[in-house]
Amino acid sequence: MPKQCLVVDDSKIVRIMARKIIEEIGLDVREAENGQEAFDACTELMPDVILLDWNMPVMSGIDFLKKFRAEGNSQNTKVIFCTTESDADHVKEGMDAGANEYIMKPFDEAIIKSKFSEIGIL
């Protein structure tokens, strides 16, 4: 069974681009528009990896991550922030909250493959 990836971003364009890249490298992809949708999706089927935007309506990426990591069964899921928030404080906050890696937008296939490989997904 292919590994599962949840792409969480309020931008439909970003979700489409990420889905195309991630499916091409062999993972199944689901999408969520915000942190609450992502949290709900994780209760249905826990993904192997989450590609997570920071700034979203309803529930931000950082709020999702804190809530998600507070769940007992989330520890095996890898989380990669994929955001325009590139200053050191945001990176530190994301990593402290439980992110495994950080990607700056815009991204491409090489960046996604590299980060997925670094965290053991590929």
PDB file of N, CA and C in Angstrom:
ATOM      1  N   MET A   1       0.853  -1.196   0.000  1.00  0.00           N
ATOM      2  CA  MET A   1       0.000   0.000   0.000  1.00  0.00           C
ATOM      3  C   MET A   1       0.888   1.245   0.000  1.00  0.00           C
ATOM      4  N   PRO A   2       0.611   2.184  -0.883  1.00  0.00           N
ATOM      5  CA  PRO A   2       1.435   3.408  -0.923  1.00  0.00           C
ATOM      6  C   PRO A   2       1.299   4.211   0.365  1.00  0.00           C
ATOM      7  N   LYS A   3       2.352   4.948   0.674  1.00  0.00           N
ATOM      8  CA  LYS A   3       2.294   5.847   1.827  1.00  0.00           C
ATOM      9  C   LYS A   3       1.302   6.959   1.546  1.00  0.00           C
ATOM     10  N   GLN A   4       0.741   7.482   2.628  1.00  0.00           N
ATOM     11  CA  GLN A   4      -0.294   8.511   2.549  1.00  0.00           C
ATOM     12  C   GLN A   4       0.285   9.887   2.879  1.00  0.00           C
ATOM     13  N   CYS A   5      -0.057  10.891   2.074  1.00  0.00           N
ATOM     14  CA  CYS A   5       0.345  12.271   2.335  1.00  0.00           C
ATOM     15  C   CYS A   5      -0.895  13.144   2.398  1.00  0.00           C
ATOM     16  N   LEU A   6      -0.952  14.000   3.386  1.00  0.00           N
ATOM     17  CA  LEU A   6      -2.020  14.986   3.498  1.00  0.00           C
ATOM     18  C   LEU A   6      -1.420  16.350   3.199  1.00  0.00           C
ATOM     19  N   VAL A   7      -1.936  17.006   2.154  1.00  0.00           N
ATOM     20  CA  VAL A   7      -1.478  18.343   1.776  1.00  0.00           C
ATOM     21  C   VAL A   7      -2.486  19.340   2.342  1.00  0.00           C
ATOM     22  N   VAL A   8      -1.986  20.240   3.212  1.00  0.00           N
ATOM     23  CA  VAL A   8      -2.854  21.186   3.899  1.00  0.00           C
ATOM     24  C   VAL A   8      -2.447  22.597   3.504  1.00  0.00           C
ATOM     25  N   ASP A   9      -3.309  23.258   2.714  1.00  0.00           N
ATOM     26  CA  ASP A   9      -3.026  24.620   2.260  1.00  0.00           C
ATOM     27  C   ASP A   9      -4.333  25.255   1.827  1.00  0.00           C
ATOM     28  N   ASP A  10      -4.516  26.533   2.148  1.00  0.00           N
ATOM     29  CA  ASP A  10      -5.747  27.200   1.741  1.00  0.00           C
ATOM     30  C   ASP A  10      -5.724  27.586   0.270  1.00  0.00           C
ATOM     31  N   SER A  11      -4.586  27.484  -0.392  1.00  0.00           N
ATOM     32  CA  SER A  11      -4.476  27.786  -1.819  1.00  0.00           C
ATOM     33  C   SER A  11      -4.692  26.522  -2.646  1.00  0.00           C
ATOM     34  N   LYS A  12      -5.740  26.541  -3.466  1.00  0.00           N
ATOM     35  CA  LYS A  12      -6.028  25.399  -4.334  1.00  0.00           C
ATOM     36  C   LYS A  12      -4.867  25.150  -5.293  1.00  0.00           C
ATOM     37  N   ILE A  13      -4.244  26.212  -5.795  1.00  0.00           N
ATOM     38  CA  ILE A  13      -3.112  26.090  -6.722  1.00  0.00           C
ATOM     39  C   ILE A  13      -1.951  25.343  -6.059  1.00  0.00           C
ATOM     40  N   VAL A  14      -1.631  25.716  -4.830  1.00  0.00           N
ATOM     41  CA  VAL A  14      -0.545  25.043  -4.105  1.00  0.00           C
ATOM     42  C   VAL A  14      -0.885  23.567  -3.904  1.00  0.00           C
ATOM     43  N   ARG A  15      -2.135  23.281  -3.542  1.00  0.00           N
ATOM     44  CA  ARG A  15      -2.530  21.883  -3.336  1.00  0.00           C
ATOM     45  C   ARG A  15      -2.411  21.079  -4.630  1.00  0.00           C
ATOM     46  N   ILE A  16      -2.819  21.670  -5.745  1.00  0.00           N
ATOM     47  CA  ILE A  16      -2.726  20.987  -7.042  1.00  0.00           C
ATOM     48  C   ILE A  16      -1.267  20.715  -7.399  1.00  0.00           C
ATOM     49  N   MET A  17      -0.402  21.718  -7.237  1.00  0.00           N
ATOM     50  CA  MET A  17       1.015  21.551  -7.557  1.00  0.00           C
ATOM     51  C   MET A  17       1.658  20.485  -6.668  1.00  0.00           C
ATOM     52  N   ALA A  18       1.386  20.548  -5.367  1.00  0.00           N
ATOM     53  CA  ALA A  18       1.962  19.582  -4.432  1.00  0.00           C
ATOM     54  C   ALA A  18       1.455  18.178  -4.740  1.00  0.00           C
ATOM     55  N   ARG A  19       0.158  18.048  -4.996  1.00  0.00           N
ATOM     56  CA  ARG A  19      -0.424  16.737  -5.310  1.00  0.00           C
ATOM     57  C   ARG A  19       0.269  16.112  -6.521  1.00  0.00           C
ATOM     58  N   LYS A  20       0.466  16.897  -7.567  1.00  0.00           N
ATOM     59  CA  LYS A  20       1.096  16.400  -8.797  1.00  0.00           C
ATOM     60  C   LYS A  20       2.495  15.846  -8.493  1.00  0.00           C
ATOM     61  N   ILE A  21       3.282  16.609  -7.763  1.00  0.00           N
ATOM     62  CA  ILE A  21       4.656  16.184  -7.429  1.00  0.00           C
ATOM     63  C   ILE A  21       4.635  14.938  -6.551  1.00  0.00           C
ATOM     64  N   ILE A  22       3.816  14.944  -5.521  1.00  0.00           N
ATOM     65  CA  ILE A  22       3.818  13.865  -4.531  1.00  0.00           C
ATOM     66  C   ILE A  22       3.264  12.574  -5.125  1.00  0.00           C
ATOM     67  N   GLU A  23       2.238  12.666  -5.971  1.00  0.00           N
ATOM     68  CA  GLU A  23       1.717  11.467  -6.631  1.00  0.00           C
ATOM     69  C   GLU A  23       2.755  10.886  -7.592  1.00  0.00           C
ATOM     70  N   GLU A  24       3.509  11.764  -8.262  1.00  0.00           N
ATOM     71  CA  GLU A  24       4.537  11.294  -9.190  1.00  0.00           C
ATOM     72  C   GLU A  24       5.658  10.534  -8.477  1.00  0.00           C
ATOM     73  N   ILE A  25       5.878  10.827  -7.194  1.00  0.00           N
ATOM     74  CA  ILE A  25       6.918  10.098  -6.458  1.00  0.00           C
ATOM     75  C   ILE A  25       6.338   8.895  -5.698  1.00  0.00           C
ATOM     76  N   GLY A  26       5.056   8.604  -5.950  1.00  0.00           N
ATOM     77  CA  GLY A  26       4.496   7.343  -5.509  1.00  0.00           C
ATOM     78  C   GLY A  26       3.648   7.323  -4.256  1.00  0.00           C
ATOM     79  N   LEU A  27       3.247   8.473  -3.749  1.00  0.00           N
ATOM     80  CA  LEU A  27       2.405   8.499  -2.555  1.00  0.00           C
ATOM     81  C   LEU A  27       0.959   8.780  -2.930  1.00  0.00           C
ATOM     82  N   ASP A  28       0.034   8.293  -2.117  1.00  0.00           N
ATOM     83  CA  ASP A  28      -1.365   8.673  -2.238  1.00  0.00           C
ATOM     84  C   ASP A  28      -1.539  10.017  -1.549  1.00  0.00           C
ATOM     85  N   VAL A  29      -2.369  10.896  -2.114  1.00  0.00           N
ATOM     86  CA  VAL A  29      -2.520  12.256  -1.587  1.00  0.00           C
ATOM     87  C   VAL A  29      -3.983  12.552  -1.269  1.00  0.00           C
ATOM     88  N   ARG A  30      -4.183  13.137  -0.102  1.00  0.00           N
ATOM     89  CA  ARG A  30      -5.465  13.747   0.265  1.00  0.00           C
ATOM     90  C   ARG A  30      -5.194  15.220   0.518  1.00  0.00           C
ATOM     91  N   GLU A  31      -6.245  16.041   0.481  1.00  0.00           N
ATOM     92  CA  GLU A  31      -6.083  17.482   0.647  1.00  0.00           C
ATOM     93  C   GLU A  31      -6.994  18.006   1.745  1.00  0.00           C
ATOM     94  N   ALA A  32      -6.539  19.109   2.366  1.00  0.00           N
ATOM     95  CA  ALA A  32      -7.358  19.851   3.320  1.00  0.00           C
ATOM     96  C   ALA A  32      -7.077  21.335   3.125  1.00  0.00           C
ATOM     97  N   GLU A  33      -8.111  22.170   3.299  1.00  0.00           N
ATOM     98  CA  GLU A  33      -7.983  23.617   3.077  1.00  0.00           C
ATOM     99  C   GLU A  33      -7.543  24.393   4.311  1.00  0.00           C
ATOM    100  N   ASN A  34      -7.626  23.767   5.488  1.00  0.00           N
ATOM    101  CA  ASN A  34      -7.239  24.459   6.717  1.00  0.00           C
ATOM    102  C   ASN A  34      -6.933  23.431   7.795  1.00  0.00           C
ATOM    103  N   GLY A  35      -6.456  23.915   8.924  1.00  0.00           N
ATOM    104  CA  GLY A  35      -6.053  23.027  10.005  1.00  0.00           C
ATOM    105  C   GLY A  35      -7.172  22.178  10.560  1.00  0.00           C
ATOM    106  N   GLN A  36      -8.383  22.705  10.617  1.00  0.00           N
ATOM    107  CA  GLN A  36      -9.503  21.920  11.144  1.00  0.00           C
ATOM    108  C   GLN A  36      -9.842  20.768  10.207  1.00  0.00           C
ATOM    109  N   GLU A  37      -9.871  21.043   8.894  1.00  0.00           N
ATOM    110  CA  GLU A  37     -10.099  19.966   7.926  1.00  0.00           C
ATOM    111  C   GLU A  37      -8.993  18.920   8.026  1.00  0.00           C
ATOM    112  N   ALA A  38      -7.782  19.376   8.219  1.00  0.00           N
ATOM    113  CA  ALA A  38      -6.641  18.460   8.340  1.00  0.00           C
ATOM    114  C   ALA A  38      -6.797  17.578   9.575  1.00  0.00           C
ATOM    115  N   PHE A  39      -7.179  18.179  10.690  1.00  0.00           N
ATOM    116  CA  PHE A  39      -7.347  17.429  11.923  1.00  0.00           C
ATOM    117  C   PHE A  39      -8.431  16.369  11.751  1.00  0.00           C
ATOM    118  N   ASP A  40      -9.539  16.767  11.134  1.00  0.00           N
ATOM    119  CA  ASP A  40     -10.634  15.829  10.879  1.00  0.00           C
ATOM    120  C   ASP A  40     -10.167  14.687   9.967  1.00  0.00           C
ATOM    121  N   ALA A  41      -9.391  15.027   8.935  1.00  0.00           N
ATOM    122  CA  ALA A  41      -8.887  14.008   7.999  1.00  0.00           C
ATOM    123  C   ALA A  41      -7.978  13.016   8.715  1.00  0.00           C
ATOM    124  N   CYS A  42      -7.199  13.495   9.671  1.00  0.00           N
ATOM    125  CA  CYS A  42      -6.278  12.623  10.407  1.00  0.00           C
ATOM    126  C   CYS A  42      -7.021  11.672  11.336  1.00  0.00           C
ATOM    127  N   THR A  43      -8.191  12.064  11.795  1.00  0.00           N
ATOM    128  CA  THR A  43      -8.967  11.152  12.643  1.00  0.00           C
ATOM    129  C   THR A  43      -9.590  10.042  11.800  1.00  0.00           C
ATOM    130  N   GLU A  44      -9.816  10.321  10.508  1.00  0.00           N
ATOM    131  CA  GLU A  44     -10.350   9.298   9.600  1.00  0.00           C
ATOM    132  C   GLU A  44      -9.254   8.323   9.176  1.00  0.00           C
ATOM    133  N   LEU A  45      -8.111   8.851   8.761  1.00  0.00           N
ATOM    134  CA  LEU A  45      -6.991   8.038   8.301  1.00  0.00           C
ATOM    135  C   LEU A  45      -5.701   8.802   8.585  1.00  0.00           C
ATOM    136  N   MET A  46      -4.877   8.245   9.461  1.00  0.00           N
ATOM    137  CA  MET A  46      -3.629   8.909   9.832  1.00  0.00           C
ATOM    138  C   MET A  46      -2.642   8.825   8.662  1.00  0.00           C
ATOM    139  N   PRO A  47      -2.179   9.979   8.153  1.00  0.00           N
ATOM    140  CA  PRO A  47      -1.222   9.953   7.052  1.00  0.00           C
ATOM    141  C   PRO A  47       0.188   9.632   7.548  1.00  0.00           C
ATOM    142  N   ASP A  48       1.047   9.250   6.601  1.00  0.00           N
ATOM    143  CA  ASP A  48       2.455   9.028   6.916  1.00  0.00           C
ATOM    144  C   ASP A  48       3.205  10.352   6.990  1.00  0.00           C
ATOM    145  N   VAL A  49       2.748  11.319   6.191  1.00  0.00           N
ATOM    146  CA  VAL A  49       3.401  12.623   6.143  1.00  0.00           C
ATOM    147  C   VAL A  49       2.351  13.706   5.859  1.00  0.00           C
ATOM    148  N   ILE A  50       2.566  14.869   6.453  1.00  0.00           N
ATOM    149  CA  ILE A  50       1.692  16.023   6.238  1.00  0.00           C
ATOM    150  C   ILE A  50       2.544  17.173   5.725  1.00  0.00           C
ATOM    151  N   LEU A  51       2.132  17.745   4.597  1.00  0.00           N
ATOM    152  CA  LEU A  51       2.746  18.960   4.060  1.00  0.00           C
ATOM    153  C   LEU A  51       1.835  20.098   4.488  1.00  0.00           C
ATOM    154  N   LEU A  52       2.318  20.983   5.359  1.00  0.00           N
ATOM    155  CA  LEU A  52       1.465  21.892   6.117  1.00  0.00           C
ATOM    156  C   LEU A  52       1.798  23.359   5.894  1.00  0.00           C
ATOM    157  N   ASP A  53       0.797  24.123   5.464  1.00  0.00           N
ATOM    158  CA  ASP A  53       0.927  25.573   5.353  1.00  0.00           C
ATOM    159  C   ASP A  53       0.786  26.188   6.745  1.00  0.00           C
ATOM    160  N   TRP A  54       1.332  27.385   6.924  1.00  0.00           N
ATOM    161  CA  TRP A  54       1.253  28.069   8.219  1.00  0.00           C
ATOM    162  C   TRP A  54       0.005  28.951   8.304  1.00  0.00           C
ATOM    163  N   ASN A  55      -0.141  29.853   7.340  1.00  0.00           N
ATOM    164  CA  ASN A  55      -1.209  30.857   7.381  1.00  0.00           C
ATOM    165  C   ASN A  55      -2.448  30.375   6.641  1.00  0.00           C
ATOM    166  N   MET A  56      -3.477  30.016   7.421  1.00  0.00           N
ATOM    167  CA  MET A  56      -4.744  29.552   6.852  1.00  0.00           C
ATOM    168  C   MET A  56      -5.892  30.036   7.721  1.00  0.00           C
ATOM    169  N   PRO A  57      -7.067  30.186   7.105  1.00  0.00           N
ATOM    170  CA  PRO A  57      -8.249  30.545   7.902  1.00  0.00           C
ATOM    171  C   PRO A  57      -8.729  29.344   8.722  1.00  0.00           C
ATOM    172  N   VAL A  58      -9.636  29.562   9.609  1.00  0.00           N
ATOM    173  CA  VAL A  58     -10.284  28.570  10.483  1.00  0.00           C
ATOM    174  C   VAL A  58      -9.315  28.067  11.550  1.00  0.00           C
ATOM    175  N   MET A  59      -8.237  27.382  11.149  1.00  0.00           N
ATOM    176  CA  MET A  59      -7.200  26.949  12.086  1.00  0.00           C
ATOM    177  C   MET A  59      -5.865  27.023  11.352  1.00  0.00           C
ATOM    178  N   SER A  60      -4.929  27.771  11.925  1.00  0.00           N
ATOM    179  CA  SER A  60      -3.613  27.932  11.291  1.00  0.00           C
ATOM    180  C   SER A  60      -2.816  26.628  11.363  1.00  0.00           C
ATOM    181  N   GLY A  61      -1.761  26.578  10.583  1.00  0.00           N
ATOM    182  CA  GLY A  61      -0.899  25.407  10.594  1.00  0.00           C
ATOM    183  C   GLY A  61      -0.261  25.157  11.946  1.00  0.00           C
ATOM    184  N   ILE A  62       0.200  26.211  12.602  1.00  0.00           N
ATOM    185  CA  ILE A  62       0.854  26.038  13.901  1.00  0.00           C
ATOM    186  C   ILE A  62      -0.148  25.572  14.955  1.00  0.00           C
ATOM    187  N   ASP A  63      -1.375  26.098  14.910  1.00  0.00           N
ATOM    188  CA  ASP A  63      -2.405  25.645  15.860  1.00  0.00           C
ATOM    189  C   ASP A  63      -2.770  24.187  15.599  1.00  0.00           C
ATOM    190  N   PHE A  64      -2.878  23.829  14.315  1.00  0.00           N
ATOM    191  CA  PHE A  64      -3.135  22.425  13.967  1.00  0.00           C
ATOM    192  C   PHE A  64      -2.030  21.536  14.522  1.00  0.00           C
ATOM    193  N   LEU A  65      -0.779  21.922  14.284  1.00  0.00           N
ATOM    194  CA  LEU A  65       0.348  21.082  14.676  1.00  0.00           C
ATOM    195  C   LEU A  65       0.376  20.862  16.186  1.00  0.00           C
ATOM    196  N   LYS A  66       0.141  21.902  16.958  1.00  0.00           N
ATOM    197  CA  LYS A  66       0.122  21.754  18.421  1.00  0.00           C
ATOM    198  C   LYS A  66      -0.988  20.798  18.858  1.00  0.00           C
ATOM    199  N   LYS A  67      -2.176  20.941  18.271  1.00  0.00           N
ATOM    200  CA  LYS A  67      -3.308  20.069  18.604  1.00  0.00           C
ATOM    201  C   LYS A  67      -3.016  18.633  18.142  1.00  0.00           C
ATOM    202  N   PHE A  68      -2.471  18.512  16.943  1.00  0.00           N
ATOM    203  CA  PHE A  68      -2.156  17.203  16.362  1.00  0.00           C
ATOM    204  C   PHE A  68      -1.118  16.459  17.205  1.00  0.00           C
ATOM    205  N   ARG A  69      -0.051  17.129  17.586  1.00  0.00           N
ATOM    206  CA  ARG A  69       1.014  16.487  18.370  1.00  0.00           C
ATOM    207  C   ARG A  69       0.553  16.153  19.791  1.00  0.00           C
ATOM    208  N   ALA A  70      -0.499  16.803  20.269  1.00  0.00           N
ATOM    209  CA  ALA A  70      -1.041  16.483  21.596  1.00  0.00           C
ATOM    210  C   ALA A  70      -1.799  15.147  21.573  1.00  0.00           C
ATOM    211  N   GLU A  71      -2.160  14.689  20.371  1.00  0.00           N
ATOM    212  CA  GLU A  71      -2.824  13.399  20.214  1.00  0.00           C
ATOM    213  C   GLU A  71      -1.793  12.292  20.395  1.00  0.00           C
ATOM    214  N   GLY A  72      -2.158  11.244  21.058  1.00  0.00           N
ATOM    215  CA  GLY A  72      -1.212  10.176  21.354  1.00  0.00           C
ATOM    216  C   GLY A  72      -0.708   9.398  20.160  1.00  0.00           C
ATOM    217  N   ASN A  73      -1.497   9.339  19.074  1.00  0.00           N
ATOM    218  CA  ASN A  73      -1.126   8.479  17.954  1.00  0.00           C
ATOM    219  C   ASN A  73      -0.512   9.249  16.777  1.00  0.00           C
ATOM    220  N   SER A  74      -0.033  10.465  17.008  1.00  0.00           N
ATOM    221  CA  SER A  74       0.494  11.286  15.911  1.00  0.00           C
ATOM    222  C   SER A  74       2.006  11.205  15.766  1.00  0.00           C
ATOM    223  N   GLN A  75       2.663  10.515  16.672  1.00  0.00           N
ATOM    224  CA  GLN A  75       4.127  10.582  16.714  1.00  0.00           C
ATOM    225  C   GLN A  75       4.823   9.953  15.510  1.00  0.00           C
ATOM    226  N   ASN A  76       4.186   8.983  14.861  1.00  0.00           N
ATOM    227  CA  ASN A  76       4.805   8.348  13.701  1.00  0.00           C
ATOM    228  C   ASN A  76       4.601   9.134  12.411  1.00  0.00           C
ATOM    229  N   THR A  77       3.714  10.118  12.446  1.00  0.00           N
ATOM    230  CA  THR A  77       3.454  10.929  11.259  1.00  0.00           C
ATOM    231  C   THR A  77       4.473  12.060  11.176  1.00  0.00           C
ATOM    232  N   LYS A  78       5.106  12.180  10.016  1.00  0.00           N
ATOM    233  CA  LYS A  78       6.070  13.257   9.782  1.00  0.00           C
ATOM    234  C   LYS A  78       5.312  14.496   9.316  1.00  0.00           C
ATOM    235  N   VAL A  79       5.762  15.663   9.769  1.00  0.00           N
ATOM    236  CA  VAL A  79       5.134  16.929   9.380  1.00  0.00           C
ATOM    237  C   VAL A  79       6.191  17.855   8.804  1.00  0.00           C
ATOM    238  N   ILE A  80       5.907  18.361   7.614  1.00  0.00           N
ATOM    239  CA  ILE A  80       6.799  19.326   6.956  1.00  0.00           C
ATOM    240  C   ILE A  80       6.025  20.620   6.772  1.00  0.00           C
ATOM    241  N   PHE A  81       6.496  21.684   7.417  1.00  0.00           N
ATOM    242  CA  PHE A  81       5.905  22.988   7.147  1.00  0.00           C
ATOM    243  C   PHE A  81       6.319  23.420   5.752  1.00  0.00           C
ATOM    244  N   CYS A  82       5.379  23.949   4.996  1.00  0.00           N
ATOM    245  CA  CYS A  82       5.636  24.450   3.645  1.00  0.00           C
ATOM    246  C   CYS A  82       5.001  25.830   3.586  1.00  0.00           C
ATOM    247  N   THR A  83       5.820  26.869   3.770  1.00  0.00           N
ATOM    248  CA  THR A  83       5.266  28.187   4.036  1.00  0.00           C
ATOM    249  C   THR A  83       6.172  29.307   3.540  1.00  0.00           C
ATOM    250  N   THR A  84       5.628  30.508   3.503  1.00  0.00           N
ATOM    251  CA  THR A  84       6.420  31.699   3.186  1.00  0.00           C
ATOM    252  C   THR A  84       7.053  32.278   4.446  1.00  0.00           C
ATOM    253  N   GLU A  85       6.658  31.760   5.615  1.00  0.00           N
ATOM    254  CA  GLU A  85       7.197  32.255   6.893  1.00  0.00           C
ATOM    255  C   GLU A  85       8.611  31.728   7.072  1.00  0.00           C
ATOM    256  N   SER A  86       9.599  32.524   6.702  1.00  0.00           N
ATOM    257  CA  SER A  86      10.968  32.003   6.642  1.00  0.00           C
ATOM    258  C   SER A  86      11.901  32.548   7.725  1.00  0.00           C
ATOM    259  N   ASP A  87      11.407  33.448   8.583  1.00  0.00           N
ATOM    260  CA  ASP A  87      12.312  33.990   9.601  1.00  0.00           C
ATOM    261  C   ASP A  87      12.600  32.936  10.669  1.00  0.00           C
ATOM    262  N   ALA A  88      13.719  33.104  11.342  1.00  0.00           N
ATOM    263  CA  ALA A  88      14.206  32.104  12.301  1.00  0.00           C
ATOM    264  C   ALA A  88      13.197  31.824  13.420  1.00  0.00           C
ATOM    265  N   ASP A  89      12.462  32.849  13.866  1.00  0.00           N
ATOM    266  CA  ASP A  89      11.493  32.641  14.940  1.00  0.00           C
ATOM    267  C   ASP A  89      10.383  31.682  14.519  1.00  0.00           C
ATOM    268  N   HIS A  90       9.889  31.846  13.287  1.00  0.00           N
ATOM    269  CA  HIS A  90       8.841  30.941  12.796  1.00  0.00           C
ATOM    270  C   HIS A  90       9.383  29.519  12.644  1.00  0.00           C
ATOM    271  N   VAL A  91      10.569  29.388  12.093  1.00  0.00           N
ATOM    272  CA  VAL A  91      11.163  28.069  11.915  1.00  0.00           C
ATOM    273  C   VAL A  91      11.315  27.387  13.276  1.00  0.00           C
ATOM    274  N   LYS A  92      11.856  28.103  14.259  1.00  0.00           N
ATOM    275  CA  LYS A  92      12.036  27.550  15.605  1.00  0.00           C
ATOM    276  C   LYS A  92      10.690  27.168  16.224  1.00  0.00           C
ATOM    277  N   GLU A  93       9.700  28.050  16.095  1.00  0.00           N
ATOM    278  CA  GLU A  93       8.375  27.763  16.664  1.00  0.00           C
ATOM    279  C   GLU A  93       7.778  26.505  16.036  1.00  0.00           C
ATOM    280  N   GLY A  94       7.909  26.383  14.713  1.00  0.00           N
ATOM    281  CA  GLY A  94       7.392  25.212  14.014  1.00  0.00           C
ATOM    282  C   GLY A  94       8.079  23.930  14.441  1.00  0.00           C
ATOM    283  N   MET A  95       9.400  23.976  14.539  1.00  0.00           N
ATOM    284  CA  MET A  95      10.158  22.786  14.941  1.00  0.00           C
ATOM    285  C   MET A  95       9.862  22.434  16.402  1.00  0.00           C
ATOM    286  N   ASP A  96       9.767  23.445  17.255  1.00  0.00           N
ATOM    287  CA  ASP A  96       9.449  23.208  18.670  1.00  0.00           C
ATOM    288  C   ASP A  96       8.062  22.593  18.837  1.00  0.00           C
ATOM    289  N   ALA A  97       7.137  22.948  17.935  1.00  0.00           N
ATOM    290  CA  ALA A  97       5.764  22.430  18.018  1.00  0.00           C
ATOM    291  C   ALA A  97       5.660  21.003  17.487  1.00  0.00           C
ATOM    292  N   GLY A  98       6.717  20.521  16.841  1.00  0.00           N
ATOM    293  CA  GLY A  98       6.710  19.129  16.398  1.00  0.00           C
ATOM    294  C   GLY A  98       6.888  18.903  14.916  1.00  0.00           C
ATOM    295  N   ALA A  99       7.213  19.940  14.151  1.00  0.00           N
ATOM    296  CA  ALA A  99       7.495  19.732  12.726  1.00  0.00           C
ATOM    297  C   ALA A  99       8.811  18.968  12.586  1.00  0.00           C
ATOM    298  N   ASN A 100       8.904  18.159  11.545  1.00  0.00           N
ATOM    299  CA  ASN A 100      10.130  17.397  11.283  1.00  0.00           C
ATOM    300  C   ASN A 100      11.036  18.113  10.298  1.00  0.00           C
ATOM    301  N   GLU A 101      10.452  18.935   9.429  1.00  0.00           N
ATOM    302  CA  GLU A 101      11.220  19.664   8.416  1.00  0.00           C
ATOM    303  C   GLU A 101      10.477  20.924   8.026  1.00  0.00           C
ATOM    304  N   TYR A 102      11.142  21.731   7.218  1.00  0.00           N
ATOM    305  CA  TYR A 102      10.620  23.038   6.838  1.00  0.00           C
ATOM    306  C   TYR A 102      10.973  23.289   5.375  1.00  0.00           C
ATOM    307  N   ILE A 103       9.992  23.644   4.556  1.00  0.00           N
ATOM    308  CA  ILE A 103      10.207  23.990   3.147  1.00  0.00           C
ATOM    309  C   ILE A 103       9.689  25.405   2.930  1.00  0.00           C
ATOM    310  N   MET A 104      10.477  26.201   2.228  1.00  0.00           N
ATOM    311  CA  MET A 104      10.037  27.557   1.877  1.00  0.00           C
ATOM    312  C   MET A 104       9.302  27.528   0.537  1.00  0.00           C
ATOM    313  N   LYS A 105       8.219  28.277   0.449  1.00  0.00           N
ATOM    314  CA  LYS A 105       7.548  28.466  -0.841  1.00  0.00           C
ATOM    315  C   LYS A 105       8.309  29.540  -1.612  1.00  0.00           C
ATOM    316  N   PRO A 106       8.381  29.451  -2.924  1.00  0.00           N
ATOM    317  CA  PRO A 106       7.850  28.356  -3.749  1.00  0.00           C
ATOM    318  C   PRO A 106       8.756  27.133  -3.672  1.00  0.00           C
ATOM    319  N   PHE A 107       8.164  25.963  -3.898  1.00  0.00           N
ATOM    320  CA  PHE A 107       8.900  24.704  -3.857  1.00  0.00           C
ATOM    321  C   PHE A 107       8.871  24.063  -5.238  1.00  0.00           C
ATOM    322  N   ASP A 108       9.705  23.050  -5.418  1.00  0.00           N
ATOM    323  CA  ASP A 108       9.681  22.281  -6.661  1.00  0.00           C
ATOM    324  C   ASP A 108       9.855  20.800  -6.329  1.00  0.00           C
ATOM    325  N   GLU A 109       9.858  19.967  -7.351  1.00  0.00           N
ATOM    326  CA  GLU A 109       9.944  18.525  -7.143  1.00  0.00           C
ATOM    327  C   GLU A 109      11.225  18.123  -6.411  1.00  0.00           C
ATOM    328  N   ALA A 110      12.344  18.753  -6.762  1.00  0.00           N
ATOM    329  CA  ALA A 110      13.621  18.406  -6.129  1.00  0.00           C
ATOM    330  C   ALA A 110      13.590  18.675  -4.625  1.00  0.00           C
ATOM    331  N   ILE A 111      13.014  19.789  -4.229  1.00  0.00           N
ATOM    332  CA  ILE A 111      12.929  20.138  -2.800  1.00  0.00           C
ATOM    333  C   ILE A 111      12.045  19.129  -2.065  1.00  0.00           C
ATOM    334  N   ILE A 112      10.875  18.837  -2.632  1.00  0.00           N
ATOM    335  CA  ILE A 112       9.960  17.881  -2.002  1.00  0.00           C
ATOM    336  C   ILE A 112      10.642  16.510  -1.861  1.00  0.00           C
ATOM    337  N   LYS A 113      11.237  16.019  -2.935  1.00  0.00           N
ATOM    338  CA  LYS A 113      11.919  14.714  -2.889  1.00  0.00           C
ATOM    339  C   LYS A 113      13.015  14.708  -1.828  1.00  0.00           C
ATOM    340  N   SER A 114      13.796  15.770  -1.787  1.00  0.00           N
ATOM    341  CA  SER A 114      14.900  15.861  -0.835  1.00  0.00           C
ATOM    342  C   SER A 114      14.399  15.806   0.607  1.00  0.00           C
ATOM    343  N   LYS A 115      13.376  16.600   0.922  1.00  0.00           N
ATOM    344  CA  LYS A 115      12.855  16.641   2.293  1.00  0.00           C
ATOM    345  C   LYS A 115      12.170  15.326   2.665  1.00  0.00           C
ATOM    346  N   PHE A 116      11.398  14.737   1.732  1.00  0.00           N
ATOM    347  CA  PHE A 116      10.740  13.455   2.003  1.00  0.00           C
ATOM    348  C   PHE A 116      11.786  12.374   2.257  1.00  0.00           C
ATOM    349  N   SER A 117      12.876  12.436   1.523  1.00  0.00           N
ATOM    350  CA  SER A 117      13.961  11.475   1.701  1.00  0.00           C
ATOM    351  C   SER A 117      14.647  11.671   3.062  1.00  0.00           C
ATOM    352  N   GLU A 118      14.922  12.927   3.418  1.00  0.00           N
ATOM    353  CA  GLU A 118      15.587  13.245   4.694  1.00  0.00           C
ATOM    354  C   GLU A 118      14.817  12.717   5.907  1.00  0.00           C
ATOM    355  N   ILE A 119      13.477  12.744   5.834  1.00  0.00           N
ATOM    356  CA  ILE A 119      12.674  12.317   6.984  1.00  0.00           C
ATOM    357  C   ILE A 119      12.240  10.848   6.886  1.00  0.00           C
ATOM    358  N   GLY A 120      12.746  10.148   5.847  1.00  0.00           N
ATOM    359  CA  GLY A 120      12.501   8.709   5.758  1.00  0.00           C
ATOM    360  C   GLY A 120      11.217   8.290   5.084  1.00  0.00           C
ATOM    361  N   ILE A 121      10.584   9.192   4.344  1.00  0.00           N
ATOM    362  CA  ILE A 121       9.346   8.844   3.647  1.00  0.00           C
ATOM    363  C   ILE A 121       9.660   8.153   2.318  1.00  0.00           C
ATOM    364  N   LEU A 122      10.749   8.559   1.674  1.00  0.00           N
ATOM    365  CA  LEU A 122      11.154   7.915   0.401  1.00  0.00           C
ATOM    366  C   LEU A 122      12.345   7.005   0.634  1.00  0.00           C
TER     367      LEU A 122
END
